């Protein structure tokens, strides 16, 4: 799975989905619970690490609904969206499948998925940004599943060697920069920070912290030319070119963020809550690291949050049973099973997270999440997010490499992004 869980190779999906028609126009909340009709439905996910926990959830559901059988389909991330696109156009899509906020509006607008009857699901305990990220035109289209929050991972050993105190929830950008400078030792090729170019887990957070925005609330205007947005981007590029507390863009583009941080040569890096499972698996580095909330920006504290949801195919043969299953997946019972599975997924429901936190006793994940969620900001999206993400990803490397001023690159992104948004 890519770090920001974005789709690849799906820029033409809007045309493909439009050709699929508007679906049945029904509501995935048609059933009020339990049905006597026998049915077998399919459920598609992309992470094999979640397979054990998912099978236990399916088992619990089938005990409550003995007439419904659920067949699990696991497709690797790199193939998931292409396979789904083919299945949708061929009329053989999974009955229930994972969806992310980047693609939900496009699928909803094209009539591929059904809205959820909110009167038949308890959403009161879920973080509002996560719930809202799965809405389109006022309707909820996905039942919340998990939550990804970005925090500041740090190497305790390097902090101890430099005599620098560990990050706290009160840290500001200035505190962060001061620590990064003390933790940078050129002779040892040790850097205080990895200024890795990544939107969800990186520069989107600082854009909001600086008071900027990526896209307007109505989804019609780019925020890349806003002065505060540019300030949020320069937080990263300045760390490379001016402060020199981060390696060059070339070094970072030649290696994965996780691999670089686990090398033990970098004191701090922004990273997702789900990194905990990956660091824990690395017995050497895993014992040296911990996580704290992101430092506060000049405008506010802000953390970009994203979460997956479960959606129902609009042309499935067993919509009532599929809706029943999708709603069960968002219950406390199901999410507690997810929490107990020991995987990388942090349940979106706070009351279901205890077992997850206990799986990572060496990391302050709970403290980071509890401090970050109140400042949560949904991942920026429009109808066809992938089109302007492609522009962003094409142009920003020039700013990171220092070949063009960050402000100039940002303004060009805004121009092209506005042209795309005008056609949505």
Protein backbone atom coordinates (compact mmCIF):
# COMPACT_ATOMS: atom_id res chain seq x y z
CA UNK A 1 0.00 0.00 0.00
CA UNK A 2 1.29 3.47 -0.79
CA UNK A 3 1.92 5.77 2.14
CA UNK A 4 -1.04 8.02 1.44
CA UNK A 5 -3.41 5.28 0.31
CA UNK A 6 -4.12 7.02 -2.96
CA UNK A 7 -5.22 5.35 -6.15
CA UNK A 8 -2.87 5.02 -9.09
CA UNK A 9 -3.69 4.72 -12.76
CA UNK A 10 -7.31 5.73 -12.30
CA UNK A 11 -7.40 9.17 -13.90
CA UNK A 12 -9.79 7.93 -16.58
CA UNK A 13 -12.15 6.41 -14.05
CA UNK A 14 -14.66 9.26 -14.24
CA UNK A 15 -15.43 8.42 -17.85
CA UNK A 16 -15.63 4.73 -17.12
CA UNK A 17 -17.94 5.17 -14.15
CA UNK A 18 -20.15 7.63 -15.99
CA UNK A 19 -20.78 4.96 -18.58
CA UNK A 20 -22.00 2.61 -15.87
CA UNK A 21 -25.24 4.50 -15.33
CA UNK A 22 -26.69 5.75 -12.11
CA UNK A 23 -27.27 2.39 -10.47
CA UNK A 24 -30.50 1.46 -8.78
CA UNK A 25 -30.76 4.68 -6.79
CA UNK A 26 -31.71 2.69 -3.74
CA UNK A 27 -30.53 3.03 -0.17
CA UNK A 28 -28.07 0.70 1.49
CA UNK A 29 -30.01 1.02 4.71
CA UNK A 30 -33.02 -0.89 3.39
CA UNK A 31 -32.84 -3.59 6.02
CA UNK A 32 -33.54 -2.99 9.68
CA UNK A 33 -31.64 -6.07 10.81
CA UNK A 34 -31.78 -9.76 10.02
CA UNK A 35 -33.28 -11.28 6.86
CA UNK A 36 -34.63 -14.76 6.20
CA UNK A 37 -33.53 -14.81 2.55
CA UNK A 38 -30.40 -16.88 1.97
CA UNK A 39 -27.59 -15.10 0.20
CA UNK A 40 -23.86 -15.17 -0.40
CA UNK A 41 -22.19 -11.78 -0.70
CA UNK A 42 -18.62 -10.83 -1.52
CA UNK A 43 -16.43 -8.44 0.47
CA UNK A 44 -13.28 -6.90 -1.04
CA UNK A 45 -10.33 -5.45 0.89
CA UNK A 46 -6.73 -4.69 -0.07
CA UNK A 47 -4.58 -5.36 2.99
CA UNK A 48 -3.61 -8.97 3.73
CA UNK A 49 -2.51 -7.91 7.21
CA UNK A 50 -6.17 -7.23 8.00
CA UNK A 51 -7.32 -10.62 6.70
CA UNK A 52 -7.20 -12.52 10.03
CA UNK A 53 -9.21 -9.89 11.88
CA UNK A 54 -11.63 -9.50 8.99
CA UNK A 55 -12.34 -13.24 8.94
CA UNK A 56 -13.19 -13.09 12.65
CA UNK A 57 -15.56 -10.18 12.00
CA UNK A 58 -17.22 -12.15 9.22
CA UNK A 59 -17.59 -15.12 11.56
CA UNK A 60 -19.30 -12.92 14.17
CA UNK A 61 -21.63 -11.48 11.55
CA UNK A 62 -22.60 -14.87 10.17
CA UNK A 63 -23.50 -16.10 13.66
CA UNK A 64 -25.95 -13.24 13.97
CA UNK A 65 -27.16 -13.68 10.39
CA UNK A 66 -27.06 -17.44 9.61
CA UNK A 67 -28.74 -17.01 6.23
CA UNK A 68 -25.98 -14.72 4.94
CA UNK A 69 -22.56 -15.99 3.91
CA UNK A 70 -19.71 -13.57 3.26
CA UNK A 71 -16.88 -14.43 0.89
CA UNK A 72 -13.71 -12.42 1.50
CA UNK A 73 -11.61 -11.21 -1.45
CA UNK A 74 -8.14 -9.79 -0.78
CA UNK A 75 -6.49 -7.90 -3.62
CA UNK A 76 -3.10 -6.14 -3.18
CA UNK A 77 -3.24 -2.33 -3.16
CA UNK A 78 -1.38 -2.01 -6.46
CA UNK A 79 -4.08 -4.05 -8.21
CA UNK A 80 -7.16 -3.20 -6.14
CA UNK A 81 -8.49 -0.15 -7.98
CA UNK A 82 -7.80 -1.50 -11.46
CA UNK A 83 -9.55 -4.76 -10.60
CA UNK A 84 -12.47 -2.85 -9.06
CA UNK A 85 -12.78 -0.62 -12.11
CA UNK A 86 -12.92 -3.68 -14.39
CA UNK A 87 -15.46 -5.38 -12.13
CA UNK A 88 -17.71 -2.31 -12.03
CA UNK A 89 -17.76 -1.89 -15.80
CA UNK A 90 -18.30 -5.62 -16.27
CA UNK A 91 -21.21 -5.75 -13.84
CA UNK A 92 -19.50 -8.08 -11.39
CA UNK A 93 -18.25 -5.81 -8.61
CA UNK A 94 -17.99 -6.99 -4.98
CA UNK A 95 -21.17 -6.51 -2.98
CA UNK A 96 -19.30 -4.64 -0.23
CA UNK A 97 -15.83 -3.17 -0.58
CA UNK A 98 -13.30 -0.80 0.97
CA UNK A 99 -13.43 2.83 -0.12
CA UNK A 100 -11.24 5.83 0.67
CA UNK A 101 -12.24 9.52 0.70
CA UNK A 102 -10.14 10.29 -2.39
CA UNK A 103 -12.44 8.22 -4.58
CA UNK A 104 -15.77 8.16 -2.77
CA UNK A 105 -17.35 11.21 -4.41
CA UNK A 106 -16.55 9.95 -7.88
CA UNK A 107 -18.10 6.55 -7.16
CA UNK A 108 -21.12 8.15 -5.48
CA UNK A 109 -21.72 10.67 -8.26
CA UNK A 110 -21.51 7.89 -10.85
CA UNK A 111 -24.10 5.81 -9.04
CA UNK A 112 -21.76 2.90 -8.37
CA UNK A 113 -22.39 2.86 -4.62
CA UNK A 114 -25.48 3.34 -2.50
CA UNK A 115 -26.09 5.90 0.27
CA UNK A 116 -26.34 4.72 3.86
CA UNK A 117 -29.52 5.10 5.87
CA UNK A 118 -28.09 7.02 8.83
CA UNK A 119 -31.13 6.29 10.97
CA UNK A 120 -30.01 2.67 11.15
CA UNK A 121 -26.41 3.21 12.20
CA UNK A 122 -24.98 4.89 15.29
CA UNK A 123 -22.45 7.50 14.20
CA UNK A 124 -22.37 9.45 17.46
CA UNK A 125 -19.02 8.12 18.65
CA UNK A 126 -17.05 8.57 15.43
CA UNK A 127 -14.83 11.62 14.77
CA UNK A 128 -16.87 14.05 12.69
CA UNK A 129 -14.12 14.69 10.07
CA UNK A 130 -14.02 10.96 9.34
CA UNK A 131 -17.79 10.71 8.95
CA UNK A 132 -17.94 13.84 6.77
CA UNK A 133 -15.17 12.56 4.49
CA UNK A 134 -17.55 9.83 3.33
CA UNK A 135 -20.41 12.14 2.41
CA UNK A 136 -21.44 13.38 -0.99
CA UNK A 137 -24.17 15.99 -1.50
CA UNK A 138 -25.26 15.61 2.09
CA UNK A 139 -25.60 11.82 2.05
CA UNK A 140 -23.37 9.29 3.77
CA UNK A 141 -22.05 6.65 1.37
CA UNK A 142 -19.68 4.63 3.55
CA UNK A 143 -19.83 3.14 7.04
CA UNK A 144 -16.70 4.27 8.97
CA UNK A 145 -14.03 1.66 9.56
CA UNK A 146 -10.64 2.98 10.60
CA UNK A 147 -8.68 6.13 11.27
CA UNK A 148 -5.21 7.24 10.23
CA UNK A 149 -3.63 10.13 12.11
CA UNK A 150 -0.24 11.71 11.49
CA UNK A 151 2.16 12.17 14.37
CA UNK A 152 5.82 13.00 14.95
CA UNK A 153 7.90 9.84 15.18
CA UNK A 154 11.27 10.30 16.83
CA UNK A 155 14.37 8.30 17.64
CA UNK A 156 14.81 8.34 21.42
CA UNK A 157 18.40 7.14 21.22
CA UNK A 158 19.47 10.11 19.08
CA UNK A 159 17.60 12.52 21.34
CA UNK A 160 19.34 11.05 24.40
CA UNK A 161 22.78 11.26 22.78
CA UNK A 162 22.22 14.93 21.91
CA UNK A 163 20.73 15.76 25.30
CA UNK A 164 17.51 17.00 23.70
CA UNK A 165 14.19 16.57 25.49
CA UNK A 166 11.57 14.44 23.76
CA UNK A 167 8.77 16.19 21.78
CA UNK A 168 5.61 17.13 23.68
CA UNK A 169 2.10 18.15 22.73
CA UNK A 170 3.10 21.77 23.41
CA UNK A 171 5.81 21.91 20.76
CA UNK A 172 5.61 24.69 18.16
CA UNK A 173 7.36 24.97 14.81
CA UNK A 174 10.11 26.96 16.55
CA UNK A 175 10.62 24.22 19.15
CA UNK A 176 10.76 21.67 16.37
CA UNK A 177 13.35 23.60 14.34
CA UNK A 178 15.54 24.21 17.39
CA UNK A 179 15.56 20.50 18.19
CA UNK A 180 16.23 19.53 14.57
CA UNK A 181 19.28 21.79 14.50
CA UNK A 182 20.71 20.25 17.68
CA UNK A 183 20.08 16.77 16.34
CA UNK A 184 21.82 17.37 13.01
CA UNK A 185 25.45 16.22 12.97
CA UNK A 186 26.92 16.56 9.45
CA UNK A 187 30.12 14.63 10.25
CA UNK A 188 28.04 11.59 11.15
CA UNK A 189 25.64 12.16 8.24
CA UNK A 190 22.93 12.44 10.87
CA UNK A 191 19.95 14.69 10.28
CA UNK A 192 17.35 16.08 12.63
CA UNK A 193 14.45 15.53 10.27
CA UNK A 194 13.27 13.82 7.10
CA UNK A 195 11.56 16.47 4.97
CA UNK A 196 9.89 13.74 2.93
CA UNK A 197 7.49 14.92 0.23
CA UNK A 198 4.15 13.38 1.22
CA UNK A 199 0.77 15.08 1.31
CA UNK A 200 -1.38 13.23 3.88
CA UNK A 201 1.47 12.54 6.27
CA UNK A 202 3.48 15.66 5.52
CA UNK A 203 2.89 19.02 3.89
CA UNK A 204 -0.92 19.03 4.02
CA UNK A 205 -0.60 19.17 7.81
CA UNK A 206 1.67 22.21 7.77
CA UNK A 207 -0.48 23.94 5.15
CA UNK A 208 -3.41 23.85 7.57
CA UNK A 209 -1.18 24.69 10.54
CA UNK A 210 -0.04 27.82 8.70
CA UNK A 211 -3.65 28.87 8.05
CA UNK A 212 -3.71 27.84 4.40
CA UNK A 213 -5.89 25.40 2.50
CA UNK A 214 -5.56 22.92 -0.36
CA UNK A 215 -9.05 23.27 -1.82
CA UNK A 216 -11.99 25.50 -0.91
CA UNK A 217 -14.86 23.99 1.10
CA UNK A 218 -17.10 23.99 -1.98
CA UNK A 219 -14.46 22.12 -3.95
CA UNK A 220 -14.24 24.77 -6.66
CA UNK A 221 -11.00 26.64 -5.96
CA UNK A 222 -7.40 25.68 -5.31
CA UNK A 223 -5.69 27.09 -2.24
CA UNK A 224 -2.16 26.56 -3.52
CA UNK A 225 -1.66 30.22 -4.37
CA UNK A 226 -2.71 31.36 -0.89
CA UNK A 227 0.25 32.95 0.98
CA UNK A 228 -0.37 30.80 4.05
CA UNK A 229 -0.45 27.64 1.95
CA UNK A 230 2.92 28.59 0.49
CA UNK A 231 4.20 29.17 4.04
CA UNK A 232 3.11 25.65 4.92
CA UNK A 233 5.03 24.25 1.95
CA UNK A 234 8.14 26.29 2.70
CA UNK A 235 8.23 24.71 6.16
CA UNK A 236 9.51 21.62 4.32
CA UNK A 237 11.68 23.08 1.60
CA UNK A 238 13.42 25.47 4.03
CA UNK A 239 14.44 22.55 6.23
CA UNK A 240 16.39 21.19 3.27
CA UNK A 241 17.80 24.31 1.63
CA UNK A 242 18.09 26.89 4.44
CA UNK A 243 18.24 25.08 7.76
CA UNK A 244 20.02 22.04 6.30
CA UNK A 245 18.55 19.76 8.96
CA UNK A 246 17.17 17.40 6.34
CA UNK A 247 18.91 15.47 3.55
CA UNK A 248 18.51 16.49 -0.08
CA UNK A 249 15.40 15.67 -2.06
CA UNK A 250 17.47 13.24 -4.13
CA UNK A 251 18.45 11.19 -1.07
CA UNK A 252 14.81 10.97 -0.01
CA UNK A 253 13.51 10.14 -3.48
CA UNK A 254 15.98 7.26 -3.72
CA UNK A 255 14.59 5.49 -0.66
CA UNK A 256 11.37 4.84 1.19
CA UNK A 257 10.50 7.00 4.21
CA UNK A 258 10.23 3.98 6.50
CA UNK A 259 13.55 2.54 5.36
CA UNK A 260 15.31 5.87 5.87
CA UNK A 261 13.93 6.43 9.35
CA UNK A 262 14.68 2.86 10.42
CA UNK A 263 18.31 3.34 9.38
CA UNK A 264 18.87 5.22 12.66
CA UNK A 265 20.39 8.29 10.99
CA UNK A 266 17.35 10.55 11.27
CA UNK A 267 15.98 11.90 14.52
CA UNK A 268 12.43 12.84 13.48
CA UNK A 269 9.90 12.15 10.75
CA UNK A 270 6.20 12.75 10.30
CA UNK A 271 4.38 9.45 9.98
CA UNK A 272 1.06 7.70 10.30
CA UNK A 273 -0.36 6.05 13.37
CA UNK A 274 -0.26 2.78 11.41
CA UNK A 275 3.55 2.98 11.27
CA UNK A 276 3.50 1.54 14.79
CA UNK A 277 2.94 -1.98 13.44
CA UNK A 278 5.81 -1.59 10.99
CA UNK A 279 8.25 -0.23 13.56
CA UNK A 280 7.26 -2.86 16.10
CA UNK A 281 8.10 -5.55 13.54
CA UNK A 282 11.61 -4.14 13.27
CA UNK A 283 13.04 -5.39 16.56
CA UNK A 284 16.16 -3.21 16.41
CA UNK A 285 14.72 0.17 15.47
CA UNK A 286 11.30 -0.47 16.95
CA UNK A 287 12.63 -0.24 20.51
CA UNK A 288 14.30 3.11 19.86
CA UNK A 289 11.34 5.09 18.53
CA UNK A 290 8.20 6.70 19.90
CA UNK A 291 5.51 9.11 18.70
CA UNK A 292 4.17 12.51 19.78
CA UNK A 293 1.57 14.93 18.37
CA UNK A 294 2.67 17.17 15.50
CA UNK A 295 4.13 20.56 16.45
CA UNK A 296 1.70 23.48 16.32
CA UNK A 297 1.94 25.92 13.43
CA UNK A 298 1.80 29.72 13.50
CA UNK A 299 -1.98 29.69 12.93
CA UNK A 300 -3.16 26.59 14.78
CA UNK A 301 -2.70 22.93 15.63
CA UNK A 302 -3.95 20.73 12.80
CA UNK A 303 -3.65 17.11 11.75
CA UNK A 304 -4.93 15.64 8.50
CA UNK A 305 -7.02 12.56 9.17
CA UNK A 306 -8.23 9.90 6.81
CA UNK A 307 -10.24 6.76 7.28
CA UNK A 308 -11.52 3.93 5.14
CA UNK A 309 -15.18 3.04 4.94
CA UNK A 310 -17.23 0.11 3.68
CA UNK A 311 -19.54 0.77 0.75
CA UNK A 312 -22.31 -1.19 -0.98
CA UNK A 313 -22.39 -1.81 -4.73
CA UNK A 314 -25.48 -0.25 -6.28
CA UNK A 315 -26.13 -3.11 -8.70
CA UNK A 316 -25.59 -6.04 -6.37
CA UNK A 317 -28.14 -8.86 -6.28
CA UNK A 318 -28.34 -8.84 -2.49
CA UNK A 319 -28.43 -5.18 -1.50
CA UNK A 320 -30.42 -5.74 1.67
CA UNK A 321 -27.95 -8.32 2.99
CA UNK A 322 -24.98 -6.26 1.83
CA UNK A 323 -26.33 -3.23 3.68
CA UNK A 324 -26.78 -5.34 6.80
CA UNK A 325 -23.15 -6.41 6.62
CA UNK A 326 -21.84 -2.89 5.90
CA UNK A 327 -23.65 -1.58 8.96
CA UNK A 328 -22.33 -4.40 11.14
CA UNK A 329 -18.79 -3.52 10.11
CA UNK A 330 -19.24 -0.13 11.81
CA UNK A 331 -20.55 -1.51 15.10
CA UNK A 332 -18.55 -1.50 18.31
CA UNK A 333 -18.58 -5.30 18.28
CA UNK A 334 -16.94 -5.51 14.85
CA UNK A 335 -14.46 -2.72 15.50
CA UNK A 336 -13.38 -4.27 18.79
CA UNK A 337 -12.54 -7.43 16.88
CA UNK A 338 -10.54 -5.28 14.46
CA UNK A 339 -8.77 -3.69 17.43
CA UNK A 340 -7.90 -7.09 18.91
CA UNK A 341 -6.49 -8.43 15.65
CA UNK A 342 -3.09 -6.83 16.23
CA UNK A 343 -2.94 -5.32 12.76
CA UNK A 344 -2.11 -1.82 11.63
CA UNK A 345 -5.69 -0.51 11.57
CA UNK A 346 -6.74 1.92 14.28
CA UNK A 347 -10.55 1.63 14.68
CA UNK A 348 -12.42 4.84 13.93
CA UNK A 349 -14.60 4.33 17.01
CA UNK A 350 -12.79 5.49 20.20
CA UNK A 351 -14.55 2.94 22.43
CA UNK A 352 -13.10 0.12 20.33
CA UNK A 353 -9.42 1.15 20.45
CA UNK A 354 -8.17 -0.18 23.81
CA UNK A 355 -6.90 -3.50 22.48
CA UNK A 356 -5.14 -1.71 19.62
CA UNK A 357 -3.21 0.53 21.99
CA UNK A 358 -2.28 -2.43 24.19
CA UNK A 359 -0.69 -4.07 21.15
CA UNK A 360 1.91 -1.28 21.11
CA UNK A 361 2.90 -0.76 24.75
CA UNK A 362 6.22 0.93 23.84
CA UNK A 363 4.59 3.76 21.88
CA UNK A 364 2.49 6.68 23.09
CA UNK A 365 -0.06 6.14 20.32
CA UNK A 366 -3.07 6.78 22.53
CA UNK A 367 -1.68 10.07 23.80
CA UNK A 368 -0.86 11.14 20.24
CA UNK A 369 -4.30 10.21 18.89
CA UNK A 370 -6.19 11.76 21.81
CA UNK A 371 -4.30 15.03 21.39
CA UNK A 372 -4.59 15.08 17.59
CA UNK A 373 -8.17 14.07 16.82
CA UNK A 374 -9.74 17.28 18.24
CA UNK A 375 -7.60 19.18 15.70
CA UNK A 376 -8.40 16.78 12.87
CA UNK A 377 -8.89 18.02 9.32
CA UNK A 378 -10.34 15.77 6.57
CA UNK A 379 -8.09 14.93 3.64
CA UNK A 380 -8.82 17.52 0.89
CA UNK A 381 -10.94 16.09 -1.94
CA UNK A 382 -13.12 17.03 -4.89
CA UNK A 383 -15.11 14.91 -7.34
CA UNK A 384 -12.05 13.65 -9.21
CA UNK A 385 -9.26 14.21 -6.72
CA UNK A 386 -6.79 12.06 -8.64
CA UNK A 387 -6.58 14.51 -11.55
CA UNK A 388 -5.23 17.43 -9.54
CA UNK A 389 -3.18 15.19 -7.27
CA UNK A 390 -1.30 14.22 -10.42
CA UNK A 391 -0.50 17.90 -11.06
CA UNK A 392 0.60 18.36 -7.46
CA UNK A 393 2.85 15.29 -7.59
CA UNK A 394 4.36 16.30 -10.92
CA UNK A 395 5.32 19.86 -9.97
CA UNK A 396 6.21 19.77 -6.26
CA UNK A 397 9.46 17.79 -6.78
CA UNK A 398 10.86 20.95 -8.41
CA UNK A 399 10.33 22.88 -5.17
CA UNK A 400 11.81 20.10 -3.03
CA UNK A 401 14.86 19.87 -5.30
CA UNK A 402 15.32 23.65 -5.16
CA UNK A 403 15.22 24.07 -8.94
CA UNK A 404 12.32 26.54 -8.66
CA UNK A 405 11.06 28.76 -5.83
CA UNK A 406 8.36 27.04 -3.80
CA UNK A 407 5.98 29.96 -4.31
CA UNK A 408 6.29 29.78 -8.10
CA UNK A 409 5.59 26.06 -8.13
CA UNK A 410 2.61 26.47 -5.82
CA UNK A 411 1.08 29.16 -8.01
CA UNK A 412 1.45 26.99 -11.11
CA UNK A 413 -0.26 24.11 -9.30
CA UNK A 414 -3.12 26.47 -8.41
CA UNK A 415 -3.54 27.54 -12.03
CA UNK A 416 -3.70 24.00 -13.38
CA UNK A 417 -5.77 22.75 -10.47
CA UNK A 418 -8.38 25.49 -10.99
CA UNK A 419 -8.67 24.50 -14.65
CA UNK A 420 -9.39 20.91 -13.59
CA UNK A 421 -11.88 21.92 -10.91
CA UNK A 422 -13.77 24.14 -13.36
CA UNK A 423 -14.56 21.05 -15.45
CA UNK A 424 -15.87 18.90 -12.59
